[in-house]
Amino acid sequence: MKLTILVADDEKNIREGLREALALDGYEVATAADGREALEAIDRGDVDLLITDLKMPRVSGEELLKSVTAQFPTMPVIILTGHGTIESAVQAMHDGAYDFLTKPVNLDRLSLLVKRALASRELVVQNRVMQEELERRSGFASIIGRSAEMKHVFEMVRQVAPSRSSVLITGESGSGKEMIAEALHYNSPRKDKPFIKLHCAALTESLLESELFGHEKGAFTGAIARKRGRFELAHLGTLFLDEIGEINQNVQIKLLRVLEEKKFERVGGEETVEVDVRLIAATNRNLKEAIEKGSFREDLYYRLNVVNIHIPPLRERKEDIPLLVAAFLKEFSQENGKQIDGIDAKARLALYNYSWPGNVRQLRNSIESAVVLSKATTITLDDLPPNIRGDSGTDSLRLPVGASLAEVEKEVIRSTLGREGGNKSRTAEILGIGRKTLHRKIEEYGL
């Protein structure tokens, strides 16, 4: 794909001469007779680099430069200037221009300058993307939640991440334990080192041992070469072991030794390997019950559970559902090339009233299915999976036994608002309260 250069100059001969010269270098070249035309051209489409004269009618080169650097900070700007205005060109560089050339333009010098400017732009863009990705991970952008329960989790992550301590993340399947593990790593001093993951429940004992500690050539049938295990791969970084409760006693003993001594031997080997690894483990099992049954070692449990972060199930933090739904709608609408503007009141209430045994993962899959099946721009009740429609109880409300009166009031207001499509007058009328009271309750409960 060709890069696009915009040449802005009020002298036609210069515009056309530069257009032809740059086109020979393989660029797409657009031209503008003044600063206003240049701004309009930039607004209409992608421009990778701007070459502009300083003195132009309507909008000057100085004004054009300030506008471009403010709105498109990654776009390089090369200034063209006469010998009498070099001082202005130097000032333009202080204002953000990449470089300047004096007229008449040396085309070889221009060609070299353009290549350097575009290479610099590419580096800036790549660095910005990498920085945004790092900020996305460390800033919890991928973990959605505003409930008190999730705010507590976020605070725990911020407090624990900088330490070297082992962390045990507990919670039901699909609740987002892996995301929390990532947040711990990318908010730690190890964020630039490896983050290695292993799902323990998917492997047999022999395979799990090999995956964790590696093996030597000939250690078993099929071991045709030395293999480094996950502990070695995670050296100086973080190792995340998901479903730690599924590993058997033999592997538990070896794992305990690594945590205590920071060293191990590969399967079939005698060489001792020393590692510096922070361990984060996760489980959906009750490990204390497993200890009582004799299937999990108590000493390993205390090594893993230096800090415990519990992820509440979705049914206990339903106020996060609207945020999650909005994020998933946006993601899958873009992915499937659809324009989905929102979700209607009955569908919202169905999603809210459903118990979500599969937690956030199930909600995500349900929204993906609804987007794919939707024939309109709004998700309706009919677009949702049958089990959610059947369990929705669109005119009923599910509340846990023992809920406080404040919790009951909050859920009644939220559900009625949802059913009435956010109509506050109708909601107040149904609930038998005044609009001012309803507004106060909405603000009080953060609805």
Protein backbone atom coordinates (compact mmCIF):
# COMPACT_ATOMS: atom_id res chain seq x y z
CA MET A 1 0.00 0.00 0.00
CA LYS A 2 1.44 3.35 -1.10
CA LEU A 3 2.03 6.10 1.42
CA THR A 4 0.32 9.43 0.75
CA ILE A 5 2.09 12.79 0.74
CA LEU A 6 0.27 16.12 0.62
CA VAL A 7 2.06 19.08 -0.96
CA ALA A 8 0.64 22.51 -0.03
CA ASP A 9 2.00 25.54 -1.92
CA ASP A 10 0.32 28.52 -3.62
CA GLU A 11 2.76 28.33 -6.56
CA LYS A 12 1.40 25.86 -9.11
CA ASN A 13 4.78 25.08 -10.70
CA ILE A 14 6.26 24.08 -7.35
CA ARG A 15 3.22 21.94 -6.46
CA GLU A 16 3.26 20.08 -9.75
CA GLY A 17 7.04 19.69 -9.83
CA LEU A 18 7.10 18.17 -6.36
CA ARG A 19 4.12 15.95 -7.17
CA GLU A 20 5.89 14.47 -10.21
CA ALA A 21 9.19 13.99 -8.36
CA LEU A 22 7.59 12.28 -5.35
CA ALA A 23 5.40 10.11 -7.58
CA LEU A 24 8.59 8.75 -9.18
CA ASP A 25 9.67 7.64 -5.68
CA GLY A 26 6.51 5.54 -5.45
CA TYR A 27 4.28 7.77 -3.30
CA GLU A 28 0.67 8.79 -3.76
CA VAL A 29 0.77 12.60 -3.97
CA ALA A 30 -2.07 15.06 -3.37
CA THR A 31 -1.77 18.84 -3.73
CA ALA A 32 -3.36 21.92 -2.16
CA ALA A 33 -3.12 25.57 -3.22
CA ASP A 34 -3.36 26.96 0.32
CA GLY A 35 -3.63 25.98 3.96
CA ARG A 36 -7.41 25.68 3.96
CA GLU A 37 -7.39 23.25 1.03
CA ALA A 38 -4.67 21.28 2.82
CA LEU A 39 -6.75 20.99 6.01
CA GLU A 40 -9.76 19.84 3.99
CA ALA A 41 -7.63 17.22 2.21
CA ILE A 42 -6.27 15.92 5.53
CA ASP A 43 -9.78 15.72 6.99
CA ARG A 44 -11.03 13.77 3.95
CA GLY A 45 -8.57 10.92 4.14
CA ASP A 46 -5.29 9.45 5.32
CA VAL A 47 -2.25 11.62 4.77
CA ASP A 48 1.08 10.20 5.95
CA LEU A 49 3.27 13.27 5.47
CA LEU A 50 2.73 16.98 4.78
CA ILE A 51 5.05 19.27 2.80
CA THR A 52 3.95 22.89 3.10
CA ASP A 53 5.07 26.38 2.18
CA LEU A 54 5.09 28.89 5.03
CA LYS A 55 3.55 31.83 3.16
CA MET A 56 0.14 30.96 1.70
CA PRO A 57 -3.22 32.76 1.39
CA ARG A 58 -6.28 32.09 3.59
CA VAL A 59 -4.51 29.73 6.04
CA SER A 60 -0.73 30.18 6.35
CA GLY A 61 1.83 27.42 6.71
CA GLU A 62 2.36 28.37 10.35
CA GLU A 63 -1.35 28.00 11.11
CA LEU A 64 -1.51 24.75 9.13
CA LEU A 65 1.43 23.34 11.11
CA LYS A 66 -0.17 24.18 14.46
CA SER A 67 -3.46 22.57 13.42
CA VAL A 68 -1.80 19.40 12.14
CA THR A 69 0.50 18.91 15.15
CA ALA A 70 -2.49 19.35 17.46
CA GLN A 71 -4.85 16.99 15.63
CA PHE A 72 -2.42 14.53 14.01
CA PRO A 73 0.69 14.43 16.22
CA THR A 74 2.25 11.45 14.40
CA MET A 75 2.16 13.17 10.96
CA PRO A 76 5.58 14.60 9.97
CA VAL A 77 5.56 18.12 8.47
CA ILE A 78 8.34 19.37 6.20
CA ILE A 79 8.47 23.14 5.72
CA LEU A 80 9.38 24.86 2.42
CA THR A 81 10.79 28.35 2.78
CA GLY A 82 12.56 31.08 0.87
CA HIS A 83 15.99 32.32 1.90
CA GLY A 84 14.43 35.38 3.50
CA THR A 85 12.26 33.38 5.89
CA ILE A 86 14.69 30.79 7.26
CA GLU A 87 14.21 32.26 10.74
CA SER A 88 10.48 31.47 10.47
CA ALA A 89 11.31 27.91 9.35
CA VAL A 90 13.52 27.42 12.41
CA GLN A 91 10.64 28.63 14.59
CA ALA A 92 8.36 26.16 12.79
CA MET A 93 10.67 23.34 13.86
CA HIS A 94 10.32 24.53 17.44
CA ASP A 95 6.55 24.33 16.87
CA GLY A 96 6.74 20.69 15.77
CA ALA A 97 7.90 20.58 12.13
CA TYR A 98 10.15 17.63 11.25
CA ASP A 99 12.58 19.69 9.12
CA PHE A 100 12.70 22.43 6.48
CA LEU A 101 14.05 22.93 2.95
CA THR A 102 14.86 26.19 1.19
CA LYS A 103 13.64 27.02 -2.29
CA PRO A 104 14.55 26.15 -4.98
CA VAL A 105 14.12 22.62 -3.62
CA ASN A 106 16.93 20.12 -4.00
CA LEU A 107 14.96 17.02 -5.08
CA ASP A 108 17.61 14.53 -3.91
CA ARG A 109 17.67 16.19 -0.51
CA LEU A 110 13.85 16.15 -0.45
CA SER A 111 13.70 12.45 -1.33
CA LEU A 112 16.09 11.57 1.49
CA LEU A 113 14.27 13.80 3.98
CA VAL A 114 10.89 12.27 3.11
CA LYS A 115 12.23 8.73 3.63
CA ARG A 116 13.67 9.68 7.01
CA ALA A 117 10.50 11.45 8.12
CA LEU A 118 8.28 8.49 7.16
CA ALA A 119 10.63 6.04 8.88
CA SER A 120 10.51 8.22 12.00
CA ARG A 121 6.71 8.32 11.80
CA GLU A 122 6.53 4.53 11.58
CA LEU A 123 8.71 4.19 14.66
CA VAL A 124 6.54 6.66 16.57
CA VAL A 125 3.37 4.80 15.56
CA GLN A 126 4.83 1.43 16.58
CA ASN A 127 5.96 2.80 19.93
CA ARG A 128 2.53 4.30 20.52
CA VAL A 129 0.83 1.00 19.72
CA MET A 130 3.16 -0.84 22.08
CA GLN A 131 2.59 1.75 24.79
CA GLU A 132 -1.18 1.57 24.34
CA GLU A 133 -1.04 -2.22 24.59
CA LEU A 134 1.01 -1.99 27.77
CA GLU A 135 -1.38 0.61 29.19
CA ARG A 136 -4.34 -1.53 28.12
CA ARG A 137 -2.98 -4.44 30.10
CA SER A 138 -1.70 -2.55 33.11
CA GLY A 139 -4.62 -0.14 33.19
CA PHE A 140 -7.21 -2.93 33.58
CA ALA A 141 -8.92 -1.84 30.34
CA SER A 142 -9.63 -5.47 29.48
CA ILE A 143 -11.20 -6.13 32.90
CA ILE A 144 -14.62 -4.54 33.00
CA GLY A 145 -16.42 -3.77 36.23
CA ARG A 146 -17.60 -0.93 38.41
CA SER A 147 -19.23 -2.95 41.17
CA ALA A 148 -17.88 -2.66 44.70
CA GLU A 149 -16.68 -6.26 44.45
CA MET A 150 -14.59 -5.60 41.34
CA LYS A 151 -13.27 -2.30 42.69
CA HIS A 152 -11.94 -4.29 45.63
CA VAL A 153 -10.29 -6.75 43.23
CA PHE A 154 -8.67 -3.88 41.30
CA GLU A 155 -7.34 -2.38 44.52
CA MET A 156 -5.91 -5.75 45.55
CA VAL A 157 -4.15 -6.08 42.18
CA ARG A 158 -2.63 -2.60 42.45
CA GLN A 159 -1.40 -3.30 45.96
CA VAL A 160 -0.06 -6.81 45.37
CA ALA A 161 1.35 -6.52 41.83
CA PRO A 162 4.66 -4.78 42.75
CA SER A 163 5.58 -7.51 45.25
CA ARG A 164 7.31 -10.86 44.62
CA SER A 165 4.70 -12.81 46.58
CA SER A 166 2.86 -15.81 45.17
CA VAL A 167 -0.83 -15.17 44.51
CA LEU A 168 -3.72 -17.62 44.47
CA ILE A 169 -6.69 -16.43 42.41
CA THR A 170 -9.94 -18.19 43.22
CA GLY A 171 -13.30 -18.05 41.51
CA GLU A 172 -15.72 -19.98 39.37
CA SER A 173 -14.92 -21.00 35.79
CA GLY A 174 -15.33 -18.14 33.36
CA SER A 175 -15.05 -15.39 35.98
CA GLY A 176 -11.87 -13.86 34.53
CA LYS A 177 -9.03 -15.31 36.62
CA GLU A 178 -6.55 -15.25 33.73
CA MET A 179 -7.18 -11.54 33.14
CA ILE A 180 -6.42 -10.81 36.77
CA ALA A 181 -3.19 -12.81 36.47
CA GLU A 182 -2.20 -10.73 33.44
CA ALA A 183 -2.97 -7.52 35.31
CA LEU A 184 -0.76 -8.64 38.20
CA HIS A 185 2.13 -9.33 35.82
CA TYR A 186 1.83 -6.17 33.73
CA ASN A 187 1.61 -3.97 36.82
CA SER A 188 4.73 -5.53 38.33
CA PRO A 189 8.45 -4.80 37.91
CA ARG A 190 8.52 -7.98 35.76
CA LYS A 191 6.19 -6.53 33.11
CA ASP A 192 8.92 -6.51 30.44
CA LYS A 193 9.82 -10.15 31.12
CA PRO A 194 7.92 -13.29 30.02
CA PHE A 195 4.37 -14.04 31.12
CA ILE A 196 4.02 -17.82 30.68
CA LYS A 197 0.73 -19.68 31.09
CA LEU A 198 -0.14 -23.35 31.60
CA HIS A 199 -3.56 -24.98 32.01
CA CYS A 200 -2.88 -27.84 34.42
CA ALA A 201 -6.19 -29.69 34.05
CA ALA A 202 -5.61 -30.42 30.36
CA LEU A 203 -2.49 -32.57 30.88
CA THR A 204 -1.66 -36.03 32.22
CA GLU A 205 0.86 -36.34 35.07
CA SER A 206 3.82 -37.16 32.79
CA LEU A 207 2.98 -34.42 30.30
CA LEU A 208 2.40 -31.88 33.06
CA GLU A 209 5.77 -32.65 34.64
CA SER A 210 7.49 -32.27 31.27
CA GLU A 211 5.66 -29.00 30.55
CA LEU A 212 6.59 -27.56 33.94
CA PHE A 213 10.20 -28.66 34.25
CA GLY A 214 11.22 -29.63 30.72
CA HIS A 215 12.99 -32.86 29.76
CA GLU A 216 16.28 -34.16 28.41
CA LYS A 217 16.72 -35.95 25.13
CA GLY A 218 15.77 -39.63 25.51
CA ALA A 219 13.99 -39.10 28.86
CA PHE A 220 11.00 -41.01 27.47
CA THR A 221 9.64 -42.28 24.18
CA GLY A 222 9.30 -39.34 21.83
CA ALA A 223 11.76 -37.11 23.67
CA ILE A 224 13.97 -36.55 20.63
CA ALA A 225 15.58 -33.36 21.94
CA ARG A 226 16.03 -31.35 25.11
CA LYS A 227 13.00 -29.21 25.93
CA ARG A 228 12.84 -26.27 28.30
CA GLY A 229 9.85 -26.26 30.65
CA ARG A 230 7.55 -23.41 31.58
CA PHE A 231 9.60 -22.54 34.66
CA GLU A 232 12.70 -21.96 32.53
CA LEU A 233 10.72 -20.01 29.95
CA ALA A 234 9.33 -17.78 32.71
CA HIS A 235 12.76 -17.00 34.23
CA LEU A 236 12.75 -13.42 35.62
CA GLY A 237 9.07 -13.18 34.70
CA THR A 238 5.77 -14.68 35.83
CA LEU A 239 4.35 -18.20 35.55
CA PHE A 240 0.56 -18.55 35.66
CA LEU A 241 -0.74 -22.04 36.50
CA ASP A 242 -4.47 -22.29 35.85
CA GLU A 243 -6.57 -24.96 37.61
CA ILE A 244 -3.78 -25.72 40.07
CA GLY A 245 -6.18 -27.87 42.08
CA GLU A 246 -6.10 -30.58 39.40
CA ILE A 247 -2.43 -31.57 39.76
CA ASN A 248 -1.66 -34.83 41.56
CA GLN A 249 0.46 -35.41 44.66
CA ASN A 250 3.68 -36.32 42.82
CA VAL A 251 3.71 -33.07 40.83
CA GLN A 252 2.66 -31.14 43.96
CA ILE A 253 5.82 -32.32 45.77
CA LYS A 254 8.08 -31.19 42.92
CA LEU A 255 6.25 -27.89 42.60
CA LEU A 256 6.66 -27.28 46.32
CA ARG A 257 10.42 -27.81 46.03
CA VAL A 258 10.70 -25.24 43.23
CA LEU A 259 8.81 -22.69 45.29
CA GLU A 260 11.02 -23.31 48.32
CA GLU A 261 14.43 -23.74 46.67
CA LYS A 262 14.03 -21.94 43.31
CA LYS A 263 15.61 -24.90 41.49
CA PHE A 264 14.73 -28.21 39.84
CA GLU A 265 15.98 -30.88 37.41
CA ARG A 266 14.51 -31.54 34.01
CA VAL A 267 12.76 -34.89 33.52
CA GLY A 268 15.46 -37.49 32.82
CA GLY A 269 18.26 -35.07 33.71
CA GLU A 270 20.74 -34.48 36.53
CA GLU A 271 21.63 -30.84 35.90
CA THR A 272 20.11 -28.47 38.46
CA VAL A 273 18.36 -25.49 36.91
CA GLU A 274 17.95 -22.35 39.04
CA VAL A 275 15.14 -19.91 38.25
CA ASP A 276 13.68 -16.64 39.48
CA VAL A 277 9.96 -16.89 38.81
CA ARG A 278 6.93 -15.29 40.37
CA LEU A 279 4.13 -17.84 40.57
CA ILE A 280 0.46 -16.99 40.18
CA ALA A 281 -1.99 -19.87 40.45
CA ALA A 282 -5.74 -20.09 39.94
CA THR A 283 -8.43 -22.59 40.79
CA ASN A 284 -12.20 -23.00 40.78
CA ARG A 285 -11.96 -25.69 43.46
CA ASN A 286 -12.13 -25.30 47.23
CA LEU A 287 -8.55 -26.23 48.10
CA LYS A 288 -9.24 -26.34 51.84
CA GLU A 289 -11.78 -29.11 51.21
CA ALA A 290 -9.23 -30.85 48.97
CA ILE A 291 -6.69 -30.67 51.84
CA GLU A 292 -9.19 -32.30 54.21
CA LYS A 293 -9.78 -35.07 51.67
CA GLY A 294 -6.05 -35.60 51.27
CA SER A 295 -5.90 -34.71 47.56
CA PHE A 296 -3.97 -31.44 47.99
CA ARG A 297 -0.92 -30.77 50.13
CA GLU A 298 -1.42 -28.25 52.92
CA ASP A 299 2.20 -27.02 52.77
CA LEU A 300 1.85 -26.33 49.03
CA TYR A 301 -1.43 -24.52 49.63
CA TYR A 302 0.20 -22.08 52.04
CA ARG A 303 3.11 -21.54 49.62
CA LEU A 304 0.65 -20.67 46.85
CA ASN A 305 -1.82 -18.74 48.95
CA VAL A 306 0.48 -16.01 50.26
CA VAL A 307 -2.08 -13.56 48.87
CA ASN A 308 -5.58 -14.60 47.85
CA ILE A 309 -7.63 -12.68 45.32
CA HIS A 310 -11.20 -13.93 44.95
CA ILE A 311 -13.16 -13.11 41.78
CA PRO A 312 -16.89 -12.95 42.57
CA PRO A 313 -19.26 -14.72 40.18
CA LEU A 314 -21.23 -12.56 37.77
CA ARG A 315 -24.52 -13.25 39.56
CA GLU A 316 -23.09 -11.45 42.62
CA ARG A 317 -22.07 -8.33 40.68
CA LYS A 318 -24.90 -7.85 38.25
CA GLU A 319 -24.36 -4.11 38.03
CA ASP A 320 -21.34 -4.95 35.85
CA ILE A 321 -23.55 -6.64 33.23
CA PRO A 322 -24.48 -3.45 31.28
CA LEU A 323 -20.81 -2.49 30.95
CA LEU A 324 -19.83 -5.98 29.84
CA VAL A 325 -22.70 -6.15 27.35
CA ALA A 326 -21.75 -2.78 25.84
CA ALA A 327 -18.12 -3.86 25.43
CA PHE A 328 -19.05 -7.21 23.88
CA LEU A 329 -21.59 -5.59 21.54
CA LYS A 330 -18.92 -3.23 20.25
CA GLU A 331 -16.36 -6.00 19.85
CA PHE A 332 -18.58 -8.44 17.97
CA SER A 333 -20.34 -5.80 15.88
CA GLN A 334 -16.96 -4.73 14.50
CA GLU A 335 -15.79 -8.31 14.13
CA ASN A 336 -18.88 -9.29 12.12
CA GLY A 337 -19.23 -6.08 10.14
CA LYS A 338 -22.61 -5.23 11.67
CA GLN A 339 -24.14 -2.03 12.98
CA ILE A 340 -25.69 -2.94 16.33
CA ASP A 341 -26.85 0.17 18.17
CA GLY A 342 -27.96 -1.45 21.40
CA ILE A 343 -30.24 -3.92 23.11
CA ASP A 344 -33.95 -3.53 23.83
CA ALA A 345 -35.52 -3.40 27.29
CA LYS A 346 -36.81 -7.00 27.41
CA ALA A 347 -33.48 -8.41 26.30
CA ARG A 348 -31.66 -6.27 28.88
CA LEU A 349 -33.90 -7.50 31.63
CA ALA A 350 -33.46 -11.11 30.51
CA LEU A 351 -29.68 -10.74 30.65
CA TYR A 352 -29.93 -9.11 34.05
CA ASN A 353 -32.23 -11.74 35.56
CA TYR A 354 -30.31 -14.75 34.25
CA SER A 355 -28.10 -16.53 36.79
CA TRP A 356 -24.99 -16.89 34.53
CA PRO A 357 -23.51 -20.19 35.74
CA GLY A 358 -20.77 -19.76 33.13
CA ASN A 359 -20.03 -16.21 34.33
CA VAL A 360 -18.41 -13.60 32.07
CA ARG A 361 -17.32 -16.20 29.51
CA GLN A 362 -20.93 -17.34 29.06
CA LEU A 363 -22.17 -13.76 28.77
CA ARG A 364 -19.53 -13.02 26.15
CA ASN A 365 -20.49 -16.08 24.10
CA SER A 366 -24.18 -15.19 24.40
CA ILE A 367 -23.64 -11.66 23.08
CA GLU A 368 -21.52 -12.98 20.21
CA SER A 369 -24.33 -15.37 19.28
CA ALA A 370 -26.94 -12.59 19.50
CA VAL A 371 -24.91 -10.28 17.26
CA VAL A 372 -24.43 -13.00 14.64
CA LEU A 373 -28.13 -13.94 14.66
CA SER A 374 -29.56 -10.42 14.84
CA LYS A 375 -31.35 -9.20 11.70
CA ALA A 376 -31.79 -5.65 12.97
CA THR A 377 -29.69 -2.90 14.52
CA THR A 378 -30.99 -3.69 18.01
CA ILE A 379 -30.61 -6.97 19.91
CA THR A 380 -34.02 -8.32 20.93
CA LEU A 381 -35.13 -11.07 23.30
CA ASP A 382 -35.50 -13.45 20.34
CA ASP A 383 -31.80 -13.02 19.46
CA LEU A 384 -30.66 -14.38 22.82
CA PRO A 385 -29.96 -18.10 23.43
CA PRO A 386 -33.11 -20.07 24.42
CA ASN A 387 -31.86 -20.91 27.92
CA ILE A 388 -31.47 -17.21 28.71
CA ARG A 389 -34.87 -16.33 27.26
CA GLY A 390 -36.48 -19.18 29.18
CA ASP A 391 -34.84 -18.21 32.48
CA SER A 392 -35.35 -14.51 32.01
CA GLY A 393 -38.61 -14.06 33.83
CA THR A 394 -39.04 -10.66 32.20
CA ASP A 395 -41.77 -9.73 34.66
CA SER A 396 -40.05 -11.21 37.72
CA LEU A 397 -36.92 -10.52 39.71
CA ARG A 398 -34.39 -12.93 41.24
CA LEU A 399 -32.92 -11.93 44.60
CA PRO A 400 -30.78 -13.95 47.01
CA VAL A 401 -32.28 -14.94 50.33
CA GLY A 402 -30.97 -12.62 53.01
CA ALA A 403 -30.57 -9.60 50.74
CA SER A 404 -30.82 -6.29 52.60
CA LEU A 405 -33.76 -3.96 52.05
CA ALA A 406 -31.44 -1.51 50.31
CA GLU A 407 -30.28 -4.24 47.91
CA VAL A 408 -33.88 -5.24 47.21
CA GLU A 409 -34.88 -1.61 46.53
CA LYS A 410 -31.88 -1.13 44.25
CA GLU A 411 -32.67 -4.22 42.16
CA VAL A 412 -36.39 -3.40 41.92
CA ILE A 413 -35.60 0.09 40.64
CA ARG A 414 -32.96 -1.19 38.20
CA SER A 415 -35.18 -3.95 36.80
CA THR A 416 -38.20 -1.68 36.41
CA LEU A 417 -36.10 0.94 34.66
CA GLY A 418 -34.82 -1.78 32.34
CA ARG A 419 -38.27 -3.09 31.55
CA GLU A 420 -39.53 0.42 30.84
CA GLY A 421 -36.58 1.21 28.56
CA GLY A 422 -35.15 3.82 30.94
CA ASN A 423 -38.39 5.84 31.09
CA LYS A 424 -38.13 7.46 34.52
CA SER A 425 -41.66 8.92 34.58
CA ARG A 426 -43.20 5.51 33.86
CA THR A 427 -40.85 3.81 36.35
CA ALA A 428 -41.76 6.27 39.12
CA GLU A 429 -45.45 5.78 38.37
CA ILE A 430 -45.17 1.96 38.54
CA LEU A 431 -43.18 2.06 41.78
CA GLY A 432 -45.55 4.60 43.33
CA ILE A 433 -42.88 7.19 44.07
CA GLY A 434 -42.20 10.72 42.86
CA ARG A 435 -39.75 11.52 40.06
CA LYS A 436 -37.51 13.46 42.47
CA THR A 437 -37.38 10.45 44.79
CA LEU A 438 -36.55 8.18 41.86
CA HIS A 439 -33.76 10.49 40.68
CA ARG A 440 -32.34 10.59 44.20
CA LYS A 441 -32.42 6.78 44.44
CA ILE A 442 -30.78 6.42 41.01
CA GLU A 443 -27.95 8.70 42.11
CA GLU A 444 -27.68 7.06 45.53
CA TYR A 445 -27.36 3.56 44.06
CA GLY A 446 -25.17 4.63 41.13
CA LEU A 447 -27.64 3.24 38.57
